[in-house]
Amino acid sequence: MYTGLKHLHSYLAYLLLAALVFSIIYVIIQFVGKKSFTEKVRKVTLIGFIATHLQLLIGLVLYLVSPVGLSNFSGEAMSESLSRLYILEHPLTMLIAIVLVSVGYIKAKKPGDDARRFRTVIIYYGLGLILMLSRIPWSAWP
């Protein structure tokens, strides 16, 4: 079970990153073109929102069943950089990034100025993406 979840979490990360990049680029194009924030734009941003939450659910289950996750939490493990990454840094940073994406999506759904809605998605999704990229365990990524 652990190996399957680990592979699923790793390969879905590609889908998540692609969904966020696609959402950000699409919104930037609409913003630069001075288009209106339509239902289609909302659905494109929803793709990134759903992908982040799906990855969160799988990541939480993996964190609980993984031998390098919650069960490895100790003071000794905190002194090793790779263990600290898996136990604390990766989950915490990803959680913050997912909160940013969620806040961006929720704020952009509210009616108002289209330019403000576009900027909201660009800023929040962009910050979330940067945080995600900063804490991916690149050495263990397939």
N, C-alpha and C. Protein backbone atom coordinates (compact mmCIF):
# COMPACT_ATOMS: atom_id res chain seq x y z
N MET A 1 0.82 -1.19 0.00
CA MET A 1 0.00 0.00 0.00
C MET A 1 0.87 1.26 0.00
N TYR A 2 1.92 1.24 0.82
CA TYR A 2 2.78 2.41 0.92
C TYR A 2 3.43 2.75 -0.42
N THR A 3 3.95 1.73 -1.10
CA THR A 3 4.62 1.97 -2.37
C THR A 3 3.67 2.52 -3.41
N GLY A 4 2.47 1.98 -3.47
CA GLY A 4 1.46 2.48 -4.41
C GLY A 4 1.08 3.92 -4.13
N LEU A 5 0.88 4.24 -2.85
CA LEU A 5 0.54 5.63 -2.49
C LEU A 5 1.68 6.58 -2.80
N LYS A 6 2.90 6.12 -2.54
CA LYS A 6 4.07 6.97 -2.82
C LYS A 6 4.17 7.28 -4.31
N HIS A 7 3.98 6.26 -5.14
CA HIS A 7 4.04 6.48 -6.59
C HIS A 7 2.88 7.36 -7.06
N LEU A 8 1.69 7.12 -6.53
CA LEU A 8 0.53 7.94 -6.88
C LEU A 8 0.77 9.39 -6.51
N HIS A 9 1.28 9.62 -5.31
CA HIS A 9 1.56 10.99 -4.83
C HIS A 9 2.63 11.66 -5.70
N SER A 10 3.64 10.90 -6.08
CA SER A 10 4.71 11.47 -6.91
C SER A 10 4.23 11.80 -8.31
N TYR A 11 3.49 10.89 -8.93
CA TYR A 11 3.05 11.14 -10.31
C TYR A 11 1.91 12.15 -10.40
N LEU A 12 1.07 12.20 -9.39
CA LEU A 12 0.03 13.23 -9.39
C LEU A 12 0.62 14.62 -9.18
N ALA A 13 1.81 14.67 -8.60
CA ALA A 13 2.48 15.97 -8.43
C ALA A 13 2.75 16.60 -9.79
N TYR A 14 3.09 15.79 -10.79
CA TYR A 14 3.28 16.33 -12.15
C TYR A 14 1.98 16.94 -12.65
N LEU A 15 0.89 16.24 -12.43
CA LEU A 15 -0.42 16.74 -12.85
C LEU A 15 -0.77 18.03 -12.11
N LEU A 16 -0.49 18.07 -10.83
CA LEU A 16 -0.75 19.27 -10.03
C LEU A 16 0.05 20.45 -10.54
N LEU A 17 1.34 20.26 -10.75
CA LEU A 17 2.18 21.36 -11.23
C LEU A 17 1.72 21.83 -12.61
N ALA A 18 1.37 20.89 -13.48
CA ALA A 18 0.88 21.26 -14.80
C ALA A 18 -0.44 22.03 -14.70
N ALA A 19 -1.33 21.60 -13.82
CA ALA A 19 -2.62 22.27 -13.64
C ALA A 19 -2.43 23.70 -13.12
N LEU A 20 -1.53 23.86 -12.16
CA LEU A 20 -1.29 25.21 -11.63
C LEU A 20 -0.64 26.12 -12.66
N VAL A 21 0.35 25.60 -13.37
CA VAL A 21 1.01 26.40 -14.40
C VAL A 21 0.01 26.78 -15.50
N PHE A 22 -0.80 25.82 -15.92
CA PHE A 22 -1.82 26.09 -16.94
C PHE A 22 -2.80 27.15 -16.45
N SER A 23 -3.26 27.02 -15.20
CA SER A 23 -4.22 27.99 -14.64
C SER A 23 -3.61 29.38 -14.61
N ILE A 24 -2.38 29.48 -14.14
CA ILE A 24 -1.72 30.78 -14.04
C ILE A 24 -1.51 31.40 -15.41
N ILE A 25 -1.02 30.62 -16.36
CA ILE A 25 -0.77 31.15 -17.71
C ILE A 25 -2.08 31.57 -18.36
N TYR A 26 -3.11 30.76 -18.23
CA TYR A 26 -4.41 31.10 -18.82
C TYR A 26 -4.95 32.40 -18.24
N VAL A 27 -4.85 32.55 -16.92
CA VAL A 27 -5.35 33.76 -16.27
C VAL A 27 -4.52 34.98 -16.68
N ILE A 28 -3.21 34.81 -16.80
CA ILE A 28 -2.36 35.92 -17.25
C ILE A 28 -2.75 36.36 -18.66
N ILE A 29 -2.98 35.41 -19.54
CA ILE A 29 -3.38 35.74 -20.92
C ILE A 29 -4.71 36.49 -20.92
N GLN A 30 -5.66 36.04 -20.13
CA GLN A 30 -6.95 36.72 -20.05
C GLN A 30 -6.80 38.12 -19.45
N PHE A 31 -5.95 38.25 -18.45
CA PHE A 31 -5.72 39.54 -17.79
C PHE A 31 -5.06 40.54 -18.73
N VAL A 32 -4.03 40.10 -19.43
CA VAL A 32 -3.32 40.98 -20.36
C VAL A 32 -4.23 41.37 -21.52
N GLY A 33 -5.08 40.46 -21.95
CA GLY A 33 -6.01 40.74 -23.03
C GLY A 33 -7.23 41.54 -22.60
N LYS A 34 -7.26 41.94 -21.33
CA LYS A 34 -8.35 42.74 -20.76
C LYS A 34 -9.72 42.07 -20.98
N LYS A 35 -9.73 40.74 -20.84
CA LYS A 35 -10.97 39.99 -20.97
C LYS A 35 -11.73 40.05 -19.64
N SER A 36 -12.97 39.58 -19.68
CA SER A 36 -13.75 39.55 -18.45
C SER A 36 -13.55 38.20 -17.75
N PHE A 37 -13.77 38.18 -16.46
CA PHE A 37 -13.63 36.98 -15.66
C PHE A 37 -14.90 36.15 -15.83
N THR A 38 -14.86 35.24 -16.78
CA THR A 38 -16.04 34.47 -17.15
C THR A 38 -16.11 33.16 -16.36
N GLU A 39 -17.17 32.43 -16.60
CA GLU A 39 -17.34 31.11 -15.99
C GLU A 39 -16.25 30.16 -16.46
N LYS A 40 -15.78 30.31 -17.69
CA LYS A 40 -14.71 29.47 -18.21
C LYS A 40 -13.42 29.71 -17.43
N VAL A 41 -13.12 30.96 -17.12
CA VAL A 41 -11.92 31.28 -16.34
C VAL A 41 -12.05 30.66 -14.95
N ARG A 42 -13.22 30.74 -14.36
CA ARG A 42 -13.43 30.17 -13.04
C ARG A 42 -13.21 28.66 -13.07
N LYS A 43 -13.67 28.00 -14.13
CA LYS A 43 -13.50 26.56 -14.25
C LYS A 43 -12.04 26.18 -14.45
N VAL A 44 -11.30 27.00 -15.17
CA VAL A 44 -9.87 26.73 -15.35
C VAL A 44 -9.14 26.85 -14.01
N THR A 45 -9.50 27.86 -13.21
CA THR A 45 -8.87 27.99 -11.89
C THR A 45 -9.33 26.87 -10.96
N LEU A 46 -10.53 26.36 -11.19
CA LEU A 46 -11.03 25.24 -10.39
C LEU A 46 -10.19 23.98 -10.62
N ILE A 47 -9.63 23.83 -11.81
CA ILE A 47 -8.76 22.69 -12.09
C ILE A 47 -7.56 22.68 -11.15
N GLY A 48 -6.92 23.83 -11.00
CA GLY A 48 -5.79 23.93 -10.08
C GLY A 48 -6.22 23.71 -8.64
N PHE A 49 -7.37 24.24 -8.28
CA PHE A 49 -7.91 24.09 -6.93
C PHE A 49 -8.17 22.63 -6.60
N ILE A 50 -8.81 21.91 -7.50
CA ILE A 50 -9.12 20.50 -7.28
C ILE A 50 -7.85 19.66 -7.23
N ALA A 51 -6.92 19.95 -8.13
CA ALA A 51 -5.66 19.18 -8.16
C ALA A 51 -4.89 19.33 -6.85
N THR A 52 -4.86 20.53 -6.29
CA THR A 52 -4.14 20.72 -5.02
C THR A 52 -4.81 19.96 -3.88
N HIS A 53 -6.13 19.95 -3.86
CA HIS A 53 -6.82 19.27 -2.77
C HIS A 53 -6.76 17.75 -2.92
N LEU A 54 -6.77 17.25 -4.13
CA LEU A 54 -6.59 15.82 -4.34
C LEU A 54 -5.20 15.39 -3.87
N GLN A 55 -4.21 16.16 -4.21
CA GLN A 55 -2.84 15.87 -3.79
C GLN A 55 -2.71 15.95 -2.26
N LEU A 56 -3.42 16.89 -1.65
CA LEU A 56 -3.42 17.01 -0.19
C LEU A 56 -3.97 15.75 0.46
N LEU A 57 -5.09 15.25 -0.03
CA LEU A 57 -5.69 14.05 0.56
C LEU A 57 -4.75 12.85 0.46
N ILE A 58 -4.17 12.66 -0.69
CA ILE A 58 -3.25 11.53 -0.86
C ILE A 58 -2.01 11.73 0.00
N GLY A 59 -1.52 12.97 0.07
CA GLY A 59 -0.35 13.27 0.89
C GLY A 59 -0.59 13.04 2.36
N LEU A 60 -1.78 13.37 2.85
CA LEU A 60 -2.09 13.14 4.26
C LEU A 60 -2.12 11.65 4.60
N VAL A 61 -2.73 10.87 3.73
CA VAL A 61 -2.75 9.42 3.96
C VAL A 61 -1.32 8.87 3.91
N LEU A 62 -0.55 9.31 2.94
CA LEU A 62 0.83 8.86 2.82
C LEU A 62 1.65 9.26 4.04
N TYR A 63 1.43 10.45 4.55
CA TYR A 63 2.15 10.93 5.73
C TYR A 63 1.87 10.05 6.94
N LEU A 64 0.65 9.56 7.05
CA LEU A 64 0.29 8.73 8.19
C LEU A 64 0.80 7.29 8.08
N VAL A 65 0.92 6.75 6.87
CA VAL A 65 1.35 5.36 6.71
C VAL A 65 2.83 5.22 6.35
N SER A 66 3.48 6.30 6.01
CA SER A 66 4.87 6.24 5.56
C SER A 66 5.84 6.02 6.72
N PRO A 67 6.88 5.21 6.50
CA PRO A 67 7.89 5.03 7.54
C PRO A 67 8.76 6.28 7.73
N VAL A 68 8.75 7.19 6.78
CA VAL A 68 9.51 8.43 6.93
C VAL A 68 8.60 9.60 7.28
N GLY A 69 7.34 9.33 7.56
CA GLY A 69 6.37 10.37 7.89
C GLY A 69 6.23 10.57 9.38
N LEU A 70 5.00 10.62 9.82
CA LEU A 70 4.68 10.91 11.22
C LEU A 70 5.31 9.92 12.20
N SER A 71 5.40 8.65 11.82
CA SER A 71 5.96 7.64 12.72
C SER A 71 7.45 7.85 12.97
N ASN A 72 8.11 8.62 12.13
CA ASN A 72 9.54 8.88 12.26
C ASN A 72 9.83 10.18 13.03
N PHE A 73 8.80 10.84 13.51
CA PHE A 73 8.94 12.15 14.16
C PHE A 73 9.68 12.00 15.49
N SER A 74 10.87 12.59 15.57
CA SER A 74 11.64 12.57 16.82
C SER A 74 12.68 13.68 16.77
N GLY A 75 13.26 13.96 17.90
CA GLY A 75 14.31 14.98 17.96
C GLY A 75 15.54 14.58 17.16
N GLU A 76 15.83 13.29 17.16
CA GLU A 76 16.98 12.79 16.41
C GLU A 76 16.77 12.97 14.90
N ALA A 77 15.56 12.71 14.46
CA ALA A 77 15.26 12.84 13.02
C ALA A 77 15.33 14.31 12.58
N MET A 78 15.05 15.23 13.50
CA MET A 78 15.09 16.65 13.15
C MET A 78 16.50 17.13 12.85
N SER A 79 17.50 16.41 13.33
CA SER A 79 18.88 16.83 13.09
C SER A 79 19.36 16.44 11.69
N GLU A 80 18.66 15.54 11.03
CA GLU A 80 19.01 15.13 9.68
C GLU A 80 18.15 15.91 8.69
N SER A 81 18.78 16.54 7.71
CA SER A 81 18.05 17.43 6.79
C SER A 81 17.01 16.68 5.96
N LEU A 82 17.32 15.48 5.47
CA LEU A 82 16.36 14.75 4.64
C LEU A 82 15.16 14.29 5.47
N SER A 83 15.42 13.81 6.68
CA SER A 83 14.32 13.40 7.55
C SER A 83 13.45 14.59 7.92
N ARG A 84 14.09 15.72 8.22
CA ARG A 84 13.34 16.93 8.57
C ARG A 84 12.48 17.39 7.40
N LEU A 85 13.00 17.23 6.18
CA LEU A 85 12.23 17.60 4.99
C LEU A 85 10.94 16.78 4.91
N TYR A 86 11.06 15.46 5.08
CA TYR A 86 9.89 14.58 4.97
C TYR A 86 8.92 14.72 6.14
N ILE A 87 9.46 14.93 7.33
CA ILE A 87 8.62 14.97 8.53
C ILE A 87 7.92 16.31 8.71
N LEU A 88 8.63 17.40 8.43
CA LEU A 88 8.11 18.70 8.79
C LEU A 88 8.03 19.70 7.63
N GLU A 89 9.15 19.91 6.95
CA GLU A 89 9.22 20.99 5.97
C GLU A 89 8.29 20.78 4.78
N HIS A 90 8.33 19.60 4.19
CA HIS A 90 7.49 19.32 3.02
C HIS A 90 6.00 19.41 3.35
N PRO A 91 5.53 18.69 4.39
CA PRO A 91 4.09 18.76 4.67
C PRO A 91 3.62 20.16 5.06
N LEU A 92 4.39 20.86 5.88
CA LEU A 92 3.98 22.19 6.34
C LEU A 92 3.97 23.20 5.20
N THR A 93 5.00 23.19 4.39
CA THR A 93 5.06 24.12 3.26
C THR A 93 3.97 23.83 2.25
N MET A 94 3.72 22.57 1.97
CA MET A 94 2.66 22.22 1.02
C MET A 94 1.29 22.62 1.56
N LEU A 95 1.09 22.46 2.86
CA LEU A 95 -0.17 22.87 3.45
C LEU A 95 -0.37 24.39 3.31
N ILE A 96 0.68 25.15 3.55
CA ILE A 96 0.60 26.61 3.38
C ILE A 96 0.31 26.95 1.92
N ALA A 97 0.97 26.26 0.99
CA ALA A 97 0.77 26.51 -0.43
C ALA A 97 -0.67 26.19 -0.83
N ILE A 98 -1.23 25.11 -0.31
CA ILE A 98 -2.61 24.74 -0.63
C ILE A 98 -3.59 25.75 -0.06
N VAL A 99 -3.29 26.27 1.11
CA VAL A 99 -4.14 27.31 1.70
C VAL A 99 -4.10 28.56 0.81
N LEU A 100 -2.92 28.91 0.30
CA LEU A 100 -2.82 30.07 -0.60
C LEU A 100 -3.65 29.87 -1.86
N VAL A 101 -3.55 28.70 -2.47
CA VAL A 101 -4.34 28.41 -3.67
C VAL A 101 -5.83 28.47 -3.34
N SER A 102 -6.22 27.92 -2.20
CA SER A 102 -7.63 27.94 -1.80
C SER A 102 -8.13 29.35 -1.58
N VAL A 103 -7.36 30.15 -0.89
CA VAL A 103 -7.75 31.55 -0.64
C VAL A 103 -7.86 32.30 -1.97
N GLY A 104 -6.91 32.07 -2.87
CA GLY A 104 -6.96 32.72 -4.18
C GLY A 104 -8.20 32.35 -4.96
N TYR A 105 -8.55 31.08 -4.95
CA TYR A 105 -9.74 30.63 -5.67
C TYR A 105 -11.00 31.21 -5.06
N ILE A 106 -11.10 31.16 -3.74
CA ILE A 106 -12.31 31.64 -3.06
C ILE A 106 -12.47 33.15 -3.23
N LYS A 107 -11.37 33.90 -3.11
CA LYS A 107 -11.46 35.35 -3.27
C LYS A 107 -11.80 35.73 -4.72
N ALA A 108 -11.29 34.97 -5.67
CA ALA A 108 -11.55 35.28 -7.08
C ALA A 108 -12.98 34.95 -7.48
N LYS A 109 -13.63 34.06 -6.77
CA LYS A 109 -15.03 33.71 -7.07
C LYS A 109 -15.98 34.84 -6.73
N LYS A 110 -15.61 35.67 -5.79
CA LYS A 110 -16.49 36.75 -5.35
C LYS A 110 -16.65 37.77 -6.46
N PRO A 111 -17.86 38.26 -6.67
CA PRO A 111 -18.08 39.26 -7.71
C PRO A 111 -17.29 40.54 -7.43
N GLY A 112 -16.95 41.21 -8.49
CA GLY A 112 -16.21 42.45 -8.35
C GLY A 112 -15.47 42.77 -9.62
N ASP A 113 -14.49 43.61 -9.48
CA ASP A 113 -13.67 44.05 -10.60
C ASP A 113 -12.92 42.85 -11.19
N ASP A 114 -13.02 42.69 -12.51
CA ASP A 114 -12.37 41.56 -13.16
C ASP A 114 -10.85 41.60 -13.01
N ALA A 115 -10.26 42.77 -13.12
CA ALA A 115 -8.81 42.89 -12.99
C ALA A 115 -8.36 42.45 -11.60
N ARG A 116 -9.12 42.80 -10.58
CA ARG A 116 -8.79 42.39 -9.21
C ARG A 116 -8.87 40.87 -9.09
N ARG A 117 -9.86 40.28 -9.69
CA ARG A 117 -10.04 38.83 -9.62
C ARG A 117 -8.88 38.11 -10.32
N PHE A 118 -8.48 38.62 -11.48
CA PHE A 118 -7.34 38.04 -12.19
C PHE A 118 -6.06 38.16 -11.36
N ARG A 119 -5.81 39.36 -10.82
CA ARG A 119 -4.61 39.57 -10.00
C ARG A 119 -4.60 38.65 -8.78
N THR A 120 -5.76 38.45 -8.19
CA THR A 120 -5.87 37.57 -7.02
C THR A 120 -5.41 36.16 -7.37
N VAL A 121 -5.91 35.63 -8.47
CA VAL A 121 -5.53 34.27 -8.88
C VAL A 121 -4.03 34.23 -9.20
N ILE A 122 -3.54 35.20 -9.93
CA ILE A 122 -2.13 35.20 -10.32
C ILE A 122 -1.24 35.24 -9.08
N ILE A 123 -1.55 36.10 -8.15
CA ILE A 123 -0.70 36.25 -6.97
C ILE A 123 -0.77 35.01 -6.07
N TYR A 124 -1.97 34.59 -5.70
CA TYR A 124 -2.10 33.48 -4.77
C TYR A 124 -1.67 32.14 -5.38
N TYR A 125 -2.07 31.88 -6.61
CA TYR A 125 -1.64 30.64 -7.26
C TYR A 125 -0.13 30.67 -7.50
N GLY A 126 0.39 31.82 -7.88
CA GLY A 126 1.83 31.94 -8.10
C GLY A 126 2.63 31.71 -6.84
N LEU A 127 2.21 32.31 -5.73
CA LEU A 127 2.90 32.08 -4.46
C LEU A 127 2.79 30.62 -4.03
N GLY A 128 1.63 30.04 -4.21
CA GLY A 128 1.46 28.62 -3.88
C GLY A 128 2.38 27.74 -4.71
N LEU A 129 2.48 28.03 -6.00
CA LEU A 129 3.35 27.26 -6.88
C LEU A 129 4.81 27.40 -6.47
N ILE A 130 5.23 28.60 -6.15
CA ILE A 130 6.62 28.82 -5.72
C ILE A 130 6.92 28.04 -4.45
N LEU A 131 6.01 28.08 -3.49
CA LEU A 131 6.22 27.31 -2.26
C LEU A 131 6.29 25.81 -2.54
N MET A 132 5.42 25.33 -3.41
CA MET A 132 5.44 23.90 -3.75
C MET A 132 6.77 23.51 -4.38
N LEU A 133 7.23 24.32 -5.31
CA LEU A 133 8.49 24.00 -5.98
C LEU A 133 9.68 24.06 -5.02
N SER A 134 9.58 24.88 -3.99
CA SER A 134 10.70 25.02 -3.06
C SER A 134 10.86 23.82 -2.13
N ARG A 135 9.83 23.05 -1.89
CA ARG A 135 9.91 21.95 -0.93
C ARG A 135 9.63 20.58 -1.52
N ILE A 136 9.68 20.45 -2.82
CA ILE A 136 9.56 19.12 -3.42
C ILE A 136 10.87 18.38 -3.16
N PRO A 137 10.80 17.15 -2.68
CA PRO A 137 12.05 16.38 -2.47
C PRO A 137 12.59 15.90 -3.82
N TRP A 138 13.31 16.76 -4.50
CA TRP A 138 13.77 16.50 -5.86
C TRP A 138 14.61 15.23 -5.97
N SER A 139 15.40 14.93 -4.96
CA SER A 139 16.27 13.76 -5.02
C SER A 139 15.48 12.45 -5.06
N ALA A 140 14.29 12.44 -4.52
CA ALA A 140 13.49 11.21 -4.47
C ALA A 140 12.37 11.20 -5.50
N TRP A 141 12.32 12.22 -6.34
CA TRP A 141 11.22 12.33 -7.30
C TRP A 141 11.49 11.51 -8.53
N PRO A 142 10.51 10.72 -8.98
CA PRO A 142 10.74 9.90 -10.20
C PRO A 142 10.74 10.74 -11.46
